[in-house]
Amino acid sequence: MCEPMTKEEMQRFLIEEAEKGIPEMEAYRSLMRILGVEYPNKKETTK
């Protein structure tokens, strides 16, 4: 299993994505994939 990312590593990732010209939301989605988390959809939250 991979070690968890620190706050600084996450910030560094987002800065690198911004420097590449990646849109903010796409950078957040990429970070979420790396962290293995998903934003719940409406069907999941209404259960």
PDB file of N, CA and C in Angstrom:
ATOM      1  N   MET A   1       0.843  -1.196   0.000  1.00  0.00           N
ATOM      2  CA  MET A   1       0.000   0.000   0.000  1.00  0.00           C
ATOM      3  C   MET A   1       0.880   1.249   0.000  1.00  0.00           C
ATOM      4  N   CYS A   2       0.434   2.266  -0.690  1.00  0.00           N
ATOM      5  CA  CYS A   2       1.190   3.512  -0.773  1.00  0.00           C
ATOM      6  C   CYS A   2       1.039   4.306   0.522  1.00  0.00           C
ATOM      7  N   GLU A   3       2.057   5.110   0.794  1.00  0.00           N
ATOM      8  CA  GLU A   3       1.981   6.000   1.950  1.00  0.00           C
ATOM      9  C   GLU A   3       1.007   7.134   1.644  1.00  0.00           C
ATOM     10  N   PRO A   4       0.274   7.619   2.648  1.00  0.00           N
ATOM     11  CA  PRO A   4      -0.637   8.737   2.410  1.00  0.00           C
ATOM     12  C   PRO A   4       0.137   9.993   2.017  1.00  0.00           C
ATOM     13  N   MET A   5      -0.514  10.838   1.216  1.00  0.00           N
ATOM     14  CA  MET A   5       0.102  12.102   0.814  1.00  0.00           C
ATOM     15  C   MET A   5      -0.048  13.102   1.946  1.00  0.00           C
ATOM     16  N   THR A   6       0.997  13.872   2.154  1.00  0.00           N
ATOM     17  CA  THR A   6       0.917  14.953   3.128  1.00  0.00           C
ATOM     18  C   THR A   6       0.232  16.158   2.481  1.00  0.00           C
ATOM     19  N   LYS A   7      -0.150  17.098   3.300  1.00  0.00           N
ATOM     20  CA  LYS A   7      -0.760  18.334   2.812  1.00  0.00           C
ATOM     21  C   LYS A   7       0.182  19.035   1.823  1.00  0.00           C
ATOM     22  N   GLU A   8       1.466  19.040   2.150  1.00  0.00           N
ATOM     23  CA  GLU A   8       2.453  19.705   1.291  1.00  0.00           C
ATOM     24  C   GLU A   8       2.572  18.997  -0.054  1.00  0.00           C
ATOM     25  N   GLU A   9       2.521  17.657  -0.044  1.00  0.00           N
ATOM     26  CA  GLU A   9       2.591  16.904  -1.301  1.00  0.00           C
ATOM     27  C   GLU A   9       1.367  17.160  -2.174  1.00  0.00           C
ATOM     28  N   MET A  10       0.208  17.255  -1.538  1.00  0.00           N
ATOM     29  CA  MET A  10      -1.012  17.564  -2.287  1.00  0.00           C
ATOM     30  C   MET A  10      -0.923  18.953  -2.901  1.00  0.00           C
ATOM     31  N   GLN A  11      -0.430  19.922  -2.112  1.00  0.00           N
ATOM     32  CA  GLN A  11      -0.291  21.282  -2.620  1.00  0.00           C
ATOM     33  C   GLN A  11       0.701  21.323  -3.770  1.00  0.00           C
ATOM     34  N   ARG A  12       1.805  20.611  -3.625  1.00  0.00           N
ATOM     35  CA  ARG A  12       2.815  20.562  -4.694  1.00  0.00           C
ATOM     36  C   ARG A  12       2.212  19.969  -5.967  1.00  0.00           C
ATOM     37  N   PHE A  13       1.399  18.908  -5.832  1.00  0.00           N
ATOM     38  CA  PHE A  13       0.735  18.298  -6.984  1.00  0.00           C
ATOM     39  C   PHE A  13      -0.158  19.321  -7.679  1.00  0.00           C
ATOM     40  N   LEU A  14      -0.964  20.063  -6.899  1.00  0.00           N
ATOM     41  CA  LEU A  14      -1.870  21.046  -7.490  1.00  0.00           C
ATOM     42  C   LEU A  14      -1.108  22.185  -8.162  1.00  0.00           C
ATOM     43  N   ILE A  15      -0.002  22.605  -7.579  1.00  0.00           N
ATOM     44  CA  ILE A  15       0.821  23.648  -8.198  1.00  0.00           C
ATOM     45  C   ILE A  15       1.385  23.163  -9.534  1.00  0.00           C
ATOM     46  N   GLU A  16       1.874  21.924  -9.554  1.00  0.00           N
ATOM     47  CA  GLU A  16       2.410  21.353 -10.797  1.00  0.00           C
ATOM     48  C   GLU A  16       1.329  21.269 -11.865  1.00  0.00           C
ATOM     49  N   GLU A  17       0.126  20.869 -11.478  1.00  0.00           N
ATOM     50  CA  GLU A  17      -0.975  20.793 -12.439  1.00  0.00           C
ATOM     51  C   GLU A  17      -1.305  22.186 -12.979  1.00  0.00           C
ATOM     52  N   ALA A  18      -1.325  23.185 -12.103  1.00  0.00           N
ATOM     53  CA  ALA A  18      -1.608  24.560 -12.530  1.00  0.00           C
ATOM     54  C   ALA A  18      -0.536  25.050 -13.500  1.00  0.00           C
ATOM     55  N   GLU A  19       0.723  24.735 -13.221  1.00  0.00           N
ATOM     56  CA  GLU A  19       1.816  25.149 -14.107  1.00  0.00           C
ATOM     57  C   GLU A  19       1.702  24.498 -15.485  1.00  0.00           C
ATOM     58  N   LYS A  20       1.098  23.308 -15.539  1.00  0.00           N
ATOM     59  CA  LYS A  20       0.884  22.613 -16.813  1.00  0.00           C
ATOM     60  C   LYS A  20      -0.327  23.167 -17.558  1.00  0.00           C
ATOM     61  N   GLY A  21      -1.108  24.034 -16.887  1.00  0.00           N
ATOM     62  CA  GLY A  21      -2.294  24.605 -17.502  1.00  0.00           C
ATOM     63  C   GLY A  21      -3.536  23.743 -17.345  1.00  0.00           C
ATOM     64  N   ILE A  22      -3.501  22.790 -16.424  1.00  0.00           N
ATOM     65  CA  ILE A  22      -4.648  21.919 -16.174  1.00  0.00           C
ATOM     66  C   ILE A  22      -5.718  22.729 -15.431  1.00  0.00           C
ATOM     67  N   PRO A  23      -6.972  22.665 -15.863  1.00  0.00           N
ATOM     68  CA  PRO A  23      -8.038  23.389 -15.139  1.00  0.00           C
ATOM     69  C   PRO A  23      -8.157  22.904 -13.695  1.00  0.00           C
ATOM     70  N   GLU A  24      -8.565  23.806 -12.822  1.00  0.00           N
ATOM     71  CA  GLU A  24      -8.627  23.529 -11.393  1.00  0.00           C
ATOM     72  C   GLU A  24      -9.453  22.280 -11.065  1.00  0.00           C
ATOM     73  N   MET A  25     -10.648  22.175 -11.627  1.00  0.00           N
ATOM     74  CA  MET A  25     -11.512  21.031 -11.307  1.00  0.00           C
ATOM     75  C   MET A  25     -10.893  19.717 -11.778  1.00  0.00           C
ATOM     76  N   GLU A  26     -10.241  19.725 -12.921  1.00  0.00           N
ATOM     77  CA  GLU A  26      -9.592  18.504 -13.409  1.00  0.00           C
ATOM     78  C   GLU A  26      -8.431  18.114 -12.502  1.00  0.00           C
ATOM     79  N   ALA A  27      -7.710  19.101 -11.991  1.00  0.00           N
ATOM     80  CA  ALA A  27      -6.610  18.817 -11.058  1.00  0.00           C
ATOM     81  C   ALA A  27      -7.156  18.200  -9.772  1.00  0.00           C
ATOM     82  N   TYR A  28      -8.275  18.752  -9.272  1.00  0.00           N
ATOM     83  CA  TYR A  28      -8.897  18.176  -8.068  1.00  0.00           C
ATOM     84  C   TYR A  28      -9.358  16.744  -8.333  1.00  0.00           C
ATOM     85  N   ARG A  29      -9.954  16.509  -9.493  1.00  0.00           N
ATOM     86  CA  ARG A  29     -10.404  15.147  -9.828  1.00  0.00           C
ATOM     87  C   ARG A  29      -9.217  14.193  -9.900  1.00  0.00           C
ATOM     88  N   SER A  30      -8.122  14.633 -10.472  1.00  0.00           N
ATOM     89  CA  SER A  30      -6.925  13.794 -10.543  1.00  0.00           C
ATOM     90  C   SER A  30      -6.400  13.484  -9.146  1.00  0.00           C
ATOM     91  N   LEU A  31      -6.379  14.486  -8.298  1.00  0.00           N
ATOM     92  CA  LEU A  31      -5.925  14.282  -6.921  1.00  0.00           C
ATOM     93  C   LEU A  31      -6.836  13.301  -6.191  1.00  0.00           C
ATOM     94  N   MET A  32      -8.139  13.434  -6.393  1.00  0.00           N
ATOM     95  CA  MET A  32      -9.080  12.511  -5.759  1.00  0.00           C
ATOM     96  C   MET A  32      -8.841  11.076  -6.232  1.00  0.00           C
ATOM     97  N   ARG A  33      -8.560  10.899  -7.524  1.00  0.00           N
ATOM     98  CA  ARG A  33      -8.260   9.552  -8.033  1.00  0.00           C
ATOM     99  C   ARG A  33      -7.006   8.997  -7.382  1.00  0.00           C
ATOM    100  N   ILE A  34      -5.987   9.836  -7.241  1.00  0.00           N
ATOM    101  CA  ILE A  34      -4.736   9.407  -6.598  1.00  0.00           C
ATOM    102  C   ILE A  34      -5.010   8.986  -5.160  1.00  0.00           C
ATOM    103  N   LEU A  35      -5.838   9.764  -4.462  1.00  0.00           N
ATOM    104  CA  LEU A  35      -6.148   9.477  -3.056  1.00  0.00           C
ATOM    105  C   LEU A  35      -7.148   8.338  -2.892  1.00  0.00           C
ATOM    106  N   GLY A  36      -7.813   7.975  -3.980  1.00  0.00           N
ATOM    107  CA  GLY A  36      -8.778   6.884  -3.924  1.00  0.00           C
ATOM    108  C   GLY A  36     -10.109   7.270  -3.320  1.00  0.00           C
ATOM    109  N   VAL A  37     -10.497   8.532  -3.485  1.00  0.00           N
ATOM    110  CA  VAL A  37     -11.790   8.990  -2.956  1.00  0.00           C
ATOM    111  C   VAL A  37     -12.688   9.414  -4.127  1.00  0.00           C
ATOM    112  N   GLU A  38     -13.989   9.348  -3.887  1.00  0.00           N
ATOM    113  CA  GLU A  38     -14.960   9.734  -4.907  1.00  0.00           C
ATOM    114  C   GLU A  38     -15.963  10.707  -4.315  1.00  0.00           C
ATOM    115  N   TYR A  39     -16.434  11.618  -5.136  1.00  0.00           N
ATOM    116  CA  TYR A  39     -17.499  12.527  -4.734  1.00  0.00           C
ATOM    117  C   TYR A  39     -18.802  11.760  -4.887  1.00  0.00           C
ATOM    118  N   PRO A  40     -19.635  11.705  -3.858  1.00  0.00           N
ATOM    119  CA  PRO A  40     -20.875  10.925  -3.948  1.00  0.00           C
ATOM    120  C   PRO A  40     -21.857  11.558  -4.937  1.00  0.00           C
ATOM    121  N   ASN A  41     -22.575  10.689  -5.652  1.00  0.00           N
ATOM    122  CA  ASN A  41     -23.610  11.228  -6.529  1.00  0.00           C
ATOM    123  C   ASN A  41     -24.904  11.351  -5.737  1.00  0.00           C
ATOM    124  N   LYS A  42     -25.917  12.004  -6.305  1.00  0.00           N
ATOM    125  CA  LYS A  42     -27.155  12.268  -5.577  1.00  0.00           C
ATOM    126  C   LYS A  42     -27.846  10.991  -5.141  1.00  0.00           C
ATOM    127  N   LYS A  43     -27.817   9.934  -5.939  1.00  0.00           N
ATOM    128  CA  LYS A  43     -28.466   8.680  -5.584  1.00  0.00           C
ATOM    129  C   LYS A  43     -27.846   8.089  -4.319  1.00  0.00           C
ATOM    130  N   GLU A  44     -26.516   8.199  -4.173  1.00  0.00           N
ATOM    131  CA  GLU A  44     -25.830   7.663  -3.005  1.00  0.00           C
ATOM    132  C   GLU A  44     -26.148   8.457  -1.739  1.00  0.00           C
ATOM    133  N   THR A  45     -26.355   9.756  -1.875  1.00  0.00           N
ATOM    134  CA  THR A  45     -26.564  10.604  -0.698  1.00  0.00           C
ATOM    135  C   THR A  45     -28.010  10.585  -0.212  1.00  0.00           C
ATOM    136  N   THR A  46     -28.953  10.105  -1.031  1.00  0.00           N
ATOM    137  CA  THR A  46     -30.349  10.096  -0.622  1.00  0.00           C
ATOM    138  C   THR A  46     -30.784   8.768  -0.024  1.00  0.00           C
ATOM    139  N   LYS A  47     -29.861   7.847   0.162  1.00  0.00           N
ATOM    140  CA  LYS A  47     -30.203   6.549   0.749  1.00  0.00           C
ATOM    141  C   LYS A  47     -30.532   6.660   2.214  1.00  0.00           C
TER     142      LYS A  47
END
